[in-house]
Amino acid sequence: MRIQLIAAGRRMPSWVQQGYEVYAKRLPRYWHLELLEIPLGKRTASSDVARAVTEEGDRMLAAIGASSRVVAFDERGRSMATEELAKQLATWMADAQDVALLIGGPDGLADSCRRRADEIWSLSNLTLAHPVVRIVIAEQLYRAHSIIQGAPYHRDG
């Protein structure tokens, strides 16, 4: 199973890259996690933000693998527990289904990406800065993999 984490934004602060790598390196190689950083659309005082978001979306859509299942992250998406994520990933792994996970930029995800998505998920009701989202997703993938492998997840009760 190949997992593409397609995220708007390059040149992240070192703490973002370090946080992402802590969890990405813990994942098994057979998951083939790949971070694809998409350049942000041009933003100036006089530029059209909607156009910048559309440009980002076009770049994201072009990066998606041909047979990948697409999951867009959006605050209006479906919430799920980590255990549910683990079950979903185990199903995709059993089916050898490649997955593309889309993270929008500072102004959100393009409508074209939401329309292309097979599923739309929310990480939280809180608004998260887009650089932080890539760390949270990598951590949740690691945690879900741990659950699939039968490792202790958390204390119950």
N, C-alpha and C. Protein backbone atom coordinates (compact mmCIF):
# COMPACT_ATOMS: atom_id res chain seq x y z
N MET A 1 0.85 -1.18 0.00
CA MET A 1 0.00 0.00 0.00
C MET A 1 0.89 1.23 0.00
N ARG A 2 0.59 2.12 -0.88
CA ARG A 2 1.32 3.39 -0.94
C ARG A 2 0.41 4.49 -0.39
N ILE A 3 0.96 5.30 0.51
CA ILE A 3 0.21 6.43 1.07
C ILE A 3 0.92 7.71 0.65
N GLN A 4 0.22 8.51 -0.13
CA GLN A 4 0.74 9.82 -0.51
C GLN A 4 0.12 10.85 0.43
N LEU A 5 0.95 11.60 1.10
CA LEU A 5 0.48 12.72 1.91
C LEU A 5 0.80 13.96 1.08
N ILE A 6 -0.22 14.50 0.43
CA ILE A 6 -0.06 15.62 -0.49
C ILE A 6 -0.47 16.89 0.25
N ALA A 7 0.50 17.73 0.55
CA ALA A 7 0.27 18.88 1.41
C ALA A 7 0.67 20.18 0.72
N ALA A 8 -0.20 21.17 0.80
CA ALA A 8 0.12 22.49 0.26
C ALA A 8 1.13 23.17 1.18
N GLY A 9 2.18 23.67 0.61
CA GLY A 9 3.18 24.40 1.37
C GLY A 9 4.53 23.72 1.37
N ARG A 10 5.54 24.52 1.14
CA ARG A 10 6.94 24.07 1.17
C ARG A 10 7.68 24.94 2.17
N ARG A 11 8.91 24.57 2.38
CA ARG A 11 9.78 25.34 3.29
C ARG A 11 9.16 25.49 4.68
N MET A 12 8.78 24.36 5.23
CA MET A 12 8.21 24.35 6.57
C MET A 12 9.31 24.61 7.60
N PRO A 13 8.96 25.15 8.75
CA PRO A 13 9.95 25.30 9.81
C PRO A 13 10.54 23.94 10.18
N SER A 14 11.75 23.93 10.69
CA SER A 14 12.43 22.67 11.00
C SER A 14 11.63 21.82 11.99
N TRP A 15 10.92 22.44 12.92
CA TRP A 15 10.17 21.67 13.90
C TRP A 15 9.04 20.88 13.23
N VAL A 16 8.49 21.41 12.13
CA VAL A 16 7.44 20.69 11.41
C VAL A 16 8.04 19.45 10.75
N GLN A 17 9.15 19.65 10.05
CA GLN A 17 9.80 18.51 9.38
C GLN A 17 10.24 17.47 10.40
N GLN A 18 10.80 17.91 11.51
CA GLN A 18 11.26 16.98 12.54
C GLN A 18 10.07 16.22 13.14
N GLY A 19 8.99 16.92 13.44
CA GLY A 19 7.81 16.26 14.01
C GLY A 19 7.23 15.24 13.06
N TYR A 20 7.15 15.59 11.80
CA TYR A 20 6.64 14.65 10.79
C TYR A 20 7.54 13.43 10.71
N GLU A 21 8.83 13.63 10.64
CA GLU A 21 9.79 12.53 10.48
C GLU A 21 9.80 11.58 11.67
N VAL A 22 9.57 12.09 12.88
CA VAL A 22 9.53 11.22 14.06
C VAL A 22 8.57 10.07 13.83
N TYR A 23 7.39 10.37 13.30
CA TYR A 23 6.37 9.34 13.10
C TYR A 23 6.50 8.64 11.76
N ALA A 24 6.85 9.36 10.73
CA ALA A 24 6.98 8.74 9.41
C ALA A 24 8.04 7.65 9.42
N LYS A 25 9.12 7.85 10.14
CA LYS A 25 10.19 6.85 10.21
C LYS A 25 9.78 5.61 10.98
N ARG A 26 8.77 5.71 11.81
CA ARG A 26 8.29 4.56 12.59
C ARG A 26 7.35 3.66 11.81
N LEU A 27 6.86 4.14 10.69
CA LEU A 27 5.92 3.35 9.89
C LEU A 27 6.65 2.26 9.13
N PRO A 28 5.96 1.16 8.87
CA PRO A 28 6.61 0.08 8.11
C PRO A 28 6.85 0.52 6.67
N ARG A 29 7.90 -0.01 6.11
CA ARG A 29 8.24 0.35 4.72
C ARG A 29 7.17 -0.08 3.74
N TYR A 30 6.45 -1.14 4.05
CA TYR A 30 5.43 -1.61 3.11
C TYR A 30 4.23 -0.67 3.02
N TRP A 31 4.18 0.37 3.86
CA TRP A 31 3.15 1.39 3.71
C TRP A 31 3.59 2.47 2.73
N HIS A 32 4.85 2.58 2.45
CA HIS A 32 5.39 3.52 1.45
C HIS A 32 4.81 4.93 1.63
N LEU A 33 4.95 5.50 2.82
CA LEU A 33 4.47 6.87 3.05
C LEU A 33 5.38 7.84 2.32
N GLU A 34 4.75 8.70 1.53
CA GLU A 34 5.49 9.67 0.72
C GLU A 34 4.86 11.05 0.92
N LEU A 35 5.65 12.00 1.38
CA LEU A 35 5.20 13.38 1.55
C LEU A 35 5.49 14.15 0.27
N LEU A 36 4.43 14.68 -0.35
CA LEU A 36 4.58 15.51 -1.54
C LEU A 36 4.16 16.92 -1.17
N GLU A 37 5.11 17.82 -1.17
CA GLU A 37 4.82 19.22 -0.83
C GLU A 37 4.53 20.00 -2.10
N ILE A 38 3.35 20.59 -2.14
CA ILE A 38 2.87 21.33 -3.30
C ILE A 38 3.12 22.82 -3.05
N PRO A 39 3.69 23.53 -4.02
CA PRO A 39 3.91 24.96 -3.82
C PRO A 39 2.58 25.70 -3.59
N LEU A 40 2.63 26.67 -2.70
CA LEU A 40 1.45 27.50 -2.47
C LEU A 40 1.21 28.39 -3.67
N GLY A 41 -0.06 28.71 -3.92
CA GLY A 41 -0.39 29.67 -4.96
C GLY A 41 0.12 31.05 -4.55
N LYS A 42 0.36 31.88 -5.52
CA LYS A 42 0.92 33.23 -5.27
C LYS A 42 -0.07 34.06 -4.46
N ARG A 43 0.45 34.64 -3.37
CA ARG A 43 -0.36 35.50 -2.51
C ARG A 43 0.36 36.83 -2.31
N THR A 44 -0.30 37.88 -2.71
CA THR A 44 0.19 39.23 -2.46
C THR A 44 -0.99 40.04 -1.94
N ALA A 45 -0.71 41.27 -1.57
CA ALA A 45 -1.78 42.13 -1.05
C ALA A 45 -2.90 42.32 -2.07
N SER A 46 -2.55 42.31 -3.36
CA SER A 46 -3.57 42.56 -4.38
C SER A 46 -4.01 41.28 -5.11
N SER A 47 -3.51 40.11 -4.69
CA SER A 47 -3.84 38.88 -5.40
C SER A 47 -5.17 38.31 -4.93
N ASP A 48 -5.72 37.45 -5.74
CA ASP A 48 -6.98 36.78 -5.46
C ASP A 48 -6.68 35.48 -4.73
N VAL A 49 -7.07 35.39 -3.45
CA VAL A 49 -6.81 34.20 -2.64
C VAL A 49 -7.50 32.97 -3.24
N ALA A 50 -8.70 33.14 -3.75
CA ALA A 50 -9.43 32.01 -4.34
C ALA A 50 -8.65 31.43 -5.51
N ARG A 51 -8.02 32.28 -6.28
CA ARG A 51 -7.21 31.80 -7.40
C ARG A 51 -6.00 31.01 -6.90
N ALA A 52 -5.37 31.49 -5.84
CA ALA A 52 -4.22 30.78 -5.25
C ALA A 52 -4.64 29.39 -4.77
N VAL A 53 -5.78 29.30 -4.11
CA VAL A 53 -6.28 28.01 -3.61
C VAL A 53 -6.60 27.08 -4.79
N THR A 54 -7.17 27.62 -5.84
CA THR A 54 -7.47 26.83 -7.03
C THR A 54 -6.19 26.29 -7.66
N GLU A 55 -5.14 27.12 -7.74
CA GLU A 55 -3.86 26.67 -8.27
C GLU A 55 -3.29 25.52 -7.43
N GLU A 56 -3.38 25.67 -6.11
CA GLU A 56 -2.90 24.61 -5.22
C GLU A 56 -3.67 23.32 -5.47
N GLY A 57 -4.98 23.44 -5.60
CA GLY A 57 -5.82 22.27 -5.85
C GLY A 57 -5.46 21.59 -7.16
N ASP A 58 -5.22 22.37 -8.20
CA ASP A 58 -4.84 21.79 -9.49
C ASP A 58 -3.53 21.00 -9.36
N ARG A 59 -2.57 21.54 -8.62
CA ARG A 59 -1.29 20.84 -8.42
C ARG A 59 -1.48 19.56 -7.60
N MET A 60 -2.34 19.63 -6.61
CA MET A 60 -2.61 18.44 -5.79
C MET A 60 -3.25 17.34 -6.64
N LEU A 61 -4.25 17.70 -7.40
CA LEU A 61 -4.95 16.71 -8.22
C LEU A 61 -3.99 16.06 -9.22
N ALA A 62 -3.06 16.83 -9.76
CA ALA A 62 -2.09 16.30 -10.71
C ALA A 62 -1.13 15.31 -10.05
N ALA A 63 -0.94 15.41 -8.74
CA ALA A 63 0.01 14.56 -8.02
C ALA A 63 -0.59 13.24 -7.56
N ILE A 64 -1.90 13.12 -7.60
CA ILE A 64 -2.58 11.91 -7.09
C ILE A 64 -2.28 10.73 -8.00
N GLY A 65 -1.96 9.60 -7.38
CA GLY A 65 -1.75 8.37 -8.13
C GLY A 65 -3.01 7.97 -8.88
N ALA A 66 -2.84 7.36 -10.05
CA ALA A 66 -3.97 7.04 -10.94
C ALA A 66 -5.05 6.19 -10.28
N SER A 67 -4.65 5.23 -9.46
CA SER A 67 -5.63 4.32 -8.86
C SER A 67 -5.85 4.57 -7.37
N SER A 68 -5.41 5.71 -6.89
CA SER A 68 -5.48 5.99 -5.45
C SER A 68 -6.88 6.35 -4.99
N ARG A 69 -7.18 5.90 -3.79
CA ARG A 69 -8.37 6.37 -3.07
C ARG A 69 -7.98 7.72 -2.48
N VAL A 70 -8.84 8.71 -2.58
CA VAL A 70 -8.51 10.07 -2.17
C VAL A 70 -9.30 10.45 -0.92
N VAL A 71 -8.55 10.91 0.08
CA VAL A 71 -9.15 11.41 1.32
C VAL A 71 -8.72 12.86 1.47
N ALA A 72 -9.69 13.76 1.53
CA ALA A 72 -9.42 15.18 1.74
C ALA A 72 -9.64 15.50 3.22
N PHE A 73 -8.76 16.28 3.78
CA PHE A 73 -8.93 16.72 5.16
C PHE A 73 -9.54 18.12 5.15
N ASP A 74 -10.66 18.23 5.86
CA ASP A 74 -11.41 19.48 5.89
C ASP A 74 -12.17 19.52 7.21
N GLU A 75 -12.28 20.70 7.79
CA GLU A 75 -12.94 20.81 9.10
C GLU A 75 -14.40 20.40 9.04
N ARG A 76 -15.00 20.37 7.86
CA ARG A 76 -16.40 19.96 7.72
C ARG A 76 -16.54 18.47 7.44
N GLY A 77 -15.43 17.75 7.45
CA GLY A 77 -15.46 16.33 7.15
C GLY A 77 -15.92 15.48 8.31
N ARG A 78 -15.89 14.18 8.10
CA ARG A 78 -16.31 13.20 9.10
C ARG A 78 -15.18 12.97 10.11
N SER A 79 -15.55 13.00 11.37
CA SER A 79 -14.61 12.69 12.44
C SER A 79 -14.60 11.19 12.67
N MET A 80 -13.47 10.69 13.14
CA MET A 80 -13.41 9.28 13.48
C MET A 80 -12.39 9.08 14.59
N ALA A 81 -12.57 8.00 15.31
CA ALA A 81 -11.62 7.61 16.35
C ALA A 81 -10.43 6.92 15.70
N THR A 82 -9.32 6.88 16.38
CA THR A 82 -8.13 6.23 15.86
C THR A 82 -8.37 4.76 15.57
N GLU A 83 -9.17 4.11 16.40
CA GLU A 83 -9.49 2.71 16.16
C GLU A 83 -10.20 2.52 14.82
N GLU A 84 -11.09 3.46 14.47
CA GLU A 84 -11.78 3.40 13.17
C GLU A 84 -10.78 3.60 12.03
N LEU A 85 -9.85 4.54 12.22
CA LEU A 85 -8.81 4.76 11.23
C LEU A 85 -8.00 3.49 11.02
N ALA A 86 -7.66 2.81 12.10
CA ALA A 86 -6.90 1.57 11.99
C ALA A 86 -7.67 0.52 11.18
N LYS A 87 -8.96 0.39 11.43
CA LYS A 87 -9.77 -0.57 10.67
C LYS A 87 -9.81 -0.21 9.19
N GLN A 88 -9.95 1.09 8.90
CA GLN A 88 -10.00 1.53 7.50
C GLN A 88 -8.67 1.25 6.81
N LEU A 89 -7.57 1.57 7.47
CA LEU A 89 -6.25 1.31 6.89
C LEU A 89 -5.99 -0.18 6.70
N ALA A 90 -6.43 -0.99 7.64
CA ALA A 90 -6.26 -2.44 7.51
C ALA A 90 -7.02 -2.96 6.29
N THR A 91 -8.21 -2.42 6.05
CA THR A 91 -8.99 -2.81 4.87
C THR A 91 -8.26 -2.42 3.60
N TRP A 92 -7.78 -1.17 3.55
CA TRP A 92 -7.06 -0.72 2.36
C TRP A 92 -5.79 -1.53 2.15
N MET A 93 -5.12 -1.87 3.23
CA MET A 93 -3.89 -2.66 3.13
C MET A 93 -4.21 -4.05 2.58
N ALA A 94 -5.27 -4.67 3.07
CA ALA A 94 -5.67 -5.99 2.60
C ALA A 94 -6.05 -5.96 1.11
N ASP A 95 -6.62 -4.85 0.69
CA ASP A 95 -7.03 -4.69 -0.71
C ASP A 95 -5.90 -4.15 -1.60
N ALA A 96 -4.73 -3.88 -1.00
CA ALA A 96 -3.60 -3.27 -1.72
C ALA A 96 -4.02 -1.96 -2.37
N GLN A 97 -4.84 -1.20 -1.66
CA GLN A 97 -5.37 0.07 -2.16
C GLN A 97 -4.40 1.20 -1.83
N ASP A 98 -3.94 1.92 -2.85
CA ASP A 98 -3.14 3.12 -2.61
C ASP A 98 -4.06 4.25 -2.15
N VAL A 99 -3.50 5.15 -1.35
CA VAL A 99 -4.29 6.22 -0.75
C VAL A 99 -3.56 7.55 -0.92
N ALA A 100 -4.30 8.58 -1.27
CA ALA A 100 -3.78 9.94 -1.32
C ALA A 100 -4.52 10.76 -0.28
N LEU A 101 -3.77 11.36 0.64
CA LEU A 101 -4.33 12.19 1.69
C LEU A 101 -4.01 13.65 1.36
N LEU A 102 -5.04 14.49 1.27
CA LEU A 102 -4.87 15.87 0.83
C LEU A 102 -5.00 16.85 1.98
N ILE A 103 -3.99 17.72 2.12
CA ILE A 103 -4.00 18.76 3.15
C ILE A 103 -3.91 20.11 2.44
N GLY A 104 -4.89 20.95 2.66
CA GLY A 104 -4.90 22.28 2.05
C GLY A 104 -3.89 23.22 2.68
N GLY A 105 -3.79 24.39 2.10
CA GLY A 105 -2.87 25.42 2.57
C GLY A 105 -3.51 26.33 3.60
N PRO A 106 -2.93 27.51 3.80
CA PRO A 106 -3.42 28.42 4.84
C PRO A 106 -4.84 28.93 4.62
N ASP A 107 -5.31 28.85 3.39
CA ASP A 107 -6.67 29.30 3.10
C ASP A 107 -7.61 28.15 2.78
N GLY A 108 -7.20 26.94 3.14
CA GLY A 108 -8.07 25.79 2.98
C GLY A 108 -7.78 24.98 1.73
N LEU A 109 -8.65 24.04 1.50
CA LEU A 109 -8.52 23.08 0.40
C LEU A 109 -9.43 23.51 -0.75
N ALA A 110 -8.95 23.37 -1.96
CA ALA A 110 -9.73 23.75 -3.15
C ALA A 110 -10.99 22.90 -3.25
N ASP A 111 -12.05 23.51 -3.73
CA ASP A 111 -13.31 22.79 -3.96
C ASP A 111 -13.10 21.60 -4.90
N SER A 112 -12.21 21.75 -5.87
CA SER A 112 -11.95 20.67 -6.82
C SER A 112 -11.39 19.44 -6.11
N CYS A 113 -10.62 19.64 -5.06
CA CYS A 113 -10.07 18.52 -4.28
C CYS A 113 -11.17 17.84 -3.47
N ARG A 114 -12.05 18.63 -2.89
CA ARG A 114 -13.17 18.04 -2.15
C ARG A 114 -14.08 17.25 -3.08
N ARG A 115 -14.31 17.77 -4.28
CA ARG A 115 -15.16 17.05 -5.24
C ARG A 115 -14.49 15.74 -5.69
N ARG A 116 -13.18 15.74 -5.84
CA ARG A 116 -12.46 14.54 -6.29
C ARG A 116 -12.35 13.49 -5.19
N ALA A 117 -12.43 13.93 -3.95
CA ALA A 117 -12.22 13.03 -2.82
C ALA A 117 -13.28 11.94 -2.74
N ASP A 118 -12.83 10.74 -2.41
CA ASP A 118 -13.74 9.64 -2.14
C ASP A 118 -14.33 9.77 -0.75
N GLU A 119 -13.55 10.40 0.14
CA GLU A 119 -13.98 10.64 1.51
C GLU A 119 -13.41 11.97 1.98
N ILE A 120 -14.14 12.62 2.89
CA ILE A 120 -13.65 13.86 3.50
C ILE A 120 -13.66 13.64 5.00
N TRP A 121 -12.49 13.80 5.60
CA TRP A 121 -12.32 13.56 7.03
C TRP A 121 -11.92 14.85 7.73
N SER A 122 -12.28 14.94 8.98
CA SER A 122 -11.86 16.03 9.86
C SER A 122 -10.98 15.47 10.95
N LEU A 123 -9.91 16.16 11.26
CA LEU A 123 -9.05 15.73 12.37
C LEU A 123 -9.57 16.23 13.71
N SER A 124 -10.28 17.35 13.67
CA SER A 124 -10.72 17.96 14.92
C SER A 124 -11.72 19.05 14.62
N ASN A 125 -12.52 19.40 15.61
CA ASN A 125 -13.37 20.58 15.49
C ASN A 125 -12.56 21.85 15.66
N LEU A 126 -11.36 21.70 16.18
CA LEU A 126 -10.46 22.84 16.31
C LEU A 126 -9.88 23.20 14.94
N THR A 127 -9.54 24.45 14.75
CA THR A 127 -8.83 24.85 13.54
C THR A 127 -7.35 24.61 13.77
N LEU A 128 -6.74 23.80 12.89
CA LEU A 128 -5.33 23.48 13.02
C LEU A 128 -4.55 24.16 11.90
N ALA A 129 -3.39 24.70 12.23
CA ALA A 129 -2.52 25.29 11.21
C ALA A 129 -2.10 24.18 10.24
N HIS A 130 -2.09 24.49 8.94
CA HIS A 130 -1.82 23.44 7.96
C HIS A 130 -0.47 22.74 8.16
N PRO A 131 0.59 23.40 8.66
CA PRO A 131 1.83 22.64 8.90
C PRO A 131 1.68 21.60 10.02
N VAL A 132 0.87 21.89 11.01
CA VAL A 132 0.66 20.98 12.13
C VAL A 132 -0.09 19.73 11.68
N VAL A 133 -0.96 19.88 10.69
CA VAL A 133 -1.80 18.77 10.24
C VAL A 133 -0.94 17.62 9.72
N ARG A 134 0.14 17.91 9.02
CA ARG A 134 0.98 16.81 8.50
C ARG A 134 1.61 16.02 9.64
N ILE A 135 1.93 16.69 10.75
CA ILE A 135 2.47 15.98 11.91
C ILE A 135 1.39 15.10 12.54
N VAL A 136 0.20 15.67 12.72
CA VAL A 136 -0.90 14.92 13.33
C VAL A 136 -1.26 13.70 12.49
N ILE A 137 -1.31 13.86 11.18
CA ILE A 137 -1.64 12.72 10.32
C ILE A 137 -0.57 11.64 10.43
N ALA A 138 0.70 12.03 10.38
CA ALA A 138 1.77 11.03 10.50
C ALA A 138 1.68 10.30 11.84
N GLU A 139 1.39 11.03 12.90
CA GLU A 139 1.27 10.42 14.22
C GLU A 139 0.08 9.45 14.26
N GLN A 140 -1.03 9.84 13.67
CA GLN A 140 -2.21 8.98 13.67
C GLN A 140 -2.01 7.75 12.79
N LEU A 141 -1.28 7.88 11.70
CA LEU A 141 -0.94 6.71 10.90
C LEU A 141 -0.09 5.73 11.71
N TYR A 142 0.88 6.28 12.43
CA TYR A 142 1.72 5.43 13.28
C TYR A 142 0.89 4.74 14.36
N ARG A 143 0.01 5.50 14.98
CA ARG A 143 -0.83 4.96 16.05
C ARG A 143 -1.77 3.89 15.50
N ALA A 144 -2.35 4.15 14.34
CA ALA A 144 -3.23 3.17 13.70
C ALA A 144 -2.46 1.90 13.35
N HIS A 145 -1.26 2.05 12.85
CA HIS A 145 -0.44 0.88 12.53
C HIS A 145 -0.15 0.08 13.80
N SER A 146 0.12 0.77 14.89
CA SER A 146 0.37 0.09 16.17
C SER A 146 -0.85 -0.73 16.59
N ILE A 147 -2.03 -0.19 16.40
CA ILE A 147 -3.26 -0.90 16.73
C ILE A 147 -3.40 -2.14 15.85
N ILE A 148 -3.15 -1.97 14.55
CA ILE A 148 -3.24 -3.10 13.62
C ILE A 148 -2.29 -4.21 14.04
N GLN A 149 -1.11 -3.85 14.55
CA GLN A 149 -0.10 -4.82 14.95
C GLN A 149 -0.38 -5.41 16.36
N GLY A 150 -1.42 -4.90 17.03
CA GLY A 150 -1.79 -5.42 18.33
C GLY A 150 -1.04 -4.80 19.49
N ALA A 151 -0.31 -3.72 19.24
CA ALA A 151 0.40 -3.05 20.33
C ALA A 151 -0.60 -2.29 21.19
N PRO A 152 -0.28 -2.10 22.47
CA PRO A 152 -1.21 -1.34 23.35
C PRO A 152 -1.42 0.06 22.80
N TYR A 153 -2.64 0.47 22.76
CA TYR A 153 -2.98 1.79 22.22
C TYR A 153 -3.10 2.83 23.30
N HIS A 154 -3.96 2.60 24.22
CA HIS A 154 -4.14 3.52 25.34
C HIS A 154 -4.78 2.72 26.48
N ARG A 155 -4.85 3.34 27.61
CA ARG A 155 -5.47 2.68 28.75
C ARG A 155 -6.97 2.83 28.68
N ASP A 156 -7.66 1.73 28.80
CA ASP A 156 -9.12 1.77 28.84
C ASP A 156 -9.58 1.86 30.30
N GLY A 157 -10.35 2.92 30.56
CA GLY A 157 -10.97 3.08 31.87
C GLY A 157 -10.01 3.27 32.95
